């Protein structure tokens, strides 16, 4: 069991060495894109909620 675990961890280390990690600049840029998209989607869903709430109030009186 211990030998299998050691072998697995060695293979993990080799595979992680093959990974192309993003630079700090790329990570920050990607994070900003995610934040902007979240804000846009939040505004859209909030607007839909307001419109549908007003529509339901008119229908149900």
C-alpha atoms as a PDB file:
ATOM      1  CA  UNK A   1       0.000   0.000   0.000  1.00  0.00           C
ATOM      2  CA  UNK A   2       2.780   2.421   0.932  1.00  0.00           C
ATOM      3  CA  UNK A   3       4.711   1.604  -2.242  1.00  0.00           C
ATOM      4  CA  UNK A   4       1.614   2.275  -4.386  1.00  0.00           C
ATOM      5  CA  UNK A   5       1.047   5.600  -2.663  1.00  0.00           C
ATOM      6  CA  UNK A   6       4.679   6.618  -3.126  1.00  0.00           C
ATOM      7  CA  UNK A   7       4.565   5.629  -6.801  1.00  0.00           C
ATOM      8  CA  UNK A   8       1.336   7.585  -7.300  1.00  0.00           C
ATOM      9  CA  UNK A   9       2.780  10.726  -5.709  1.00  0.00           C
ATOM     10  CA  UNK A  10       5.913  10.472  -7.849  1.00  0.00           C
ATOM     11  CA  UNK A  11       3.750  10.233 -10.978  1.00  0.00           C
ATOM     12  CA  UNK A  12       1.715  13.230  -9.827  1.00  0.00           C
ATOM     13  CA  UNK A  13       4.917  15.242  -9.405  1.00  0.00           C
ATOM     14  CA  UNK A  14       6.043  14.329 -12.946  1.00  0.00           C
ATOM     15  CA  UNK A  15       2.660  15.276 -14.437  1.00  0.00           C
ATOM     16  CA  UNK A  16       2.551  18.596 -12.563  1.00  0.00           C
ATOM     17  CA  UNK A  17       5.941  19.396 -14.066  1.00  0.00           C
ATOM     18  CA  UNK A  18       4.350  19.154 -17.525  1.00  0.00           C
ATOM     19  CA  UNK A  19       1.652  21.714 -16.719  1.00  0.00           C
ATOM     20  CA  UNK A  20       1.902  25.143 -18.302  1.00  0.00           C
ATOM     21  CA  UNK A  21       0.995  27.473 -15.448  1.00  0.00           C
ATOM     22  CA  UNK A  22      -0.466  30.910 -16.272  1.00  0.00           C
ATOM     23  CA  UNK A  23       1.464  34.028 -15.385  1.00  0.00           C
ATOM     24  CA  UNK A  24       0.243  36.361 -12.666  1.00  0.00           C
ATOM     25  CA  UNK A  25      -0.795  38.862 -15.355  1.00  0.00           C
ATOM     26  CA  UNK A  26      -2.874  36.220 -17.168  1.00  0.00           C
ATOM     27  CA  UNK A  27      -4.502  35.109 -13.915  1.00  0.00           C
ATOM     28  CA  UNK A  28      -5.450  38.668 -12.930  1.00  0.00           C
ATOM     29  CA  UNK A  29      -6.824  39.399 -16.415  1.00  0.00           C
ATOM     30  CA  UNK A  30      -8.900  36.221 -16.384  1.00  0.00           C
ATOM     31  CA  UNK A  31     -10.221  36.997 -12.913  1.00  0.00           C
ATOM     32  CA  UNK A  32     -11.351  40.455 -14.073  1.00  0.00           C
ATOM     33  CA  UNK A  33     -13.167  38.909 -17.029  1.00  0.00           C
ATOM     34  CA  UNK A  34     -14.979  36.561 -14.657  1.00  0.00           C
ATOM     35  CA  UNK A  35     -15.952  39.436 -12.330  1.00  0.00           C
ATOM     36  CA  UNK A  36     -17.276  41.536 -15.234  1.00  0.00           C
ATOM     37  CA  UNK A  37     -19.319  38.638 -16.612  1.00  0.00           C
ATOM     38  CA  UNK A  38     -20.760  37.940 -13.157  1.00  0.00           C
ATOM     39  CA  UNK A  39     -21.792  41.596 -12.788  1.00  0.00           C
ATOM     40  CA  UNK A  40     -23.420  41.647 -16.244  1.00  0.00           C
ATOM     41  CA  UNK A  41     -25.341  38.420 -15.605  1.00  0.00           C
ATOM     42  CA  UNK A  42     -26.390  39.655 -12.145  1.00  0.00           C
ATOM     43  CA  UNK A  43     -27.764  42.897 -13.592  1.00  0.00           C
ATOM     44  CA  UNK A  44     -29.629  40.981 -16.309  1.00  0.00           C
ATOM     45  CA  UNK A  45     -31.175  38.530 -13.844  1.00  0.00           C
ATOM     46  CA  UNK A  46     -32.062  41.367 -11.461  1.00  0.00           C
ATOM     47  CA  UNK A  47     -33.815  43.232 -14.272  1.00  0.00           C
ATOM     48  CA  UNK A  48     -35.697  40.070 -15.270  1.00  0.00           C
ATOM     49  CA  UNK A  49     -36.771  39.594 -11.652  1.00  0.00           C
ATOM     50  CA  UNK A  50     -38.085  43.152 -11.391  1.00  0.00           C
ATOM     51  CA  UNK A  51     -39.999  42.904 -14.678  1.00  0.00           C
ATOM     52  CA  UNK A  52     -41.521  39.533 -13.834  1.00  0.00           C
ATOM     53  CA  UNK A  53     -42.432  40.661 -10.297  1.00  0.00           C
ATOM     54  CA  UNK A  54     -44.283  43.709 -11.696  1.00  0.00           C
ATOM     55  CA  UNK A  55     -46.005  41.522 -14.276  1.00  0.00           C
ATOM     56  CA  UNK A  56     -47.136  39.059 -11.611  1.00  0.00           C
ATOM     57  CA  UNK A  57     -48.455  41.907  -9.417  1.00  0.00           C
ATOM     58  CA  UNK A  58     -50.551  43.185 -12.332  1.00  0.00           C
ATOM     59  CA  UNK A  59     -51.854  39.731 -13.195  1.00  0.00           C
ATOM     60  CA  UNK A  60     -52.702  38.763  -9.614  1.00  0.00           C
ATOM     61  CA  UNK A  61     -53.810  42.273  -8.723  1.00  0.00           C
END
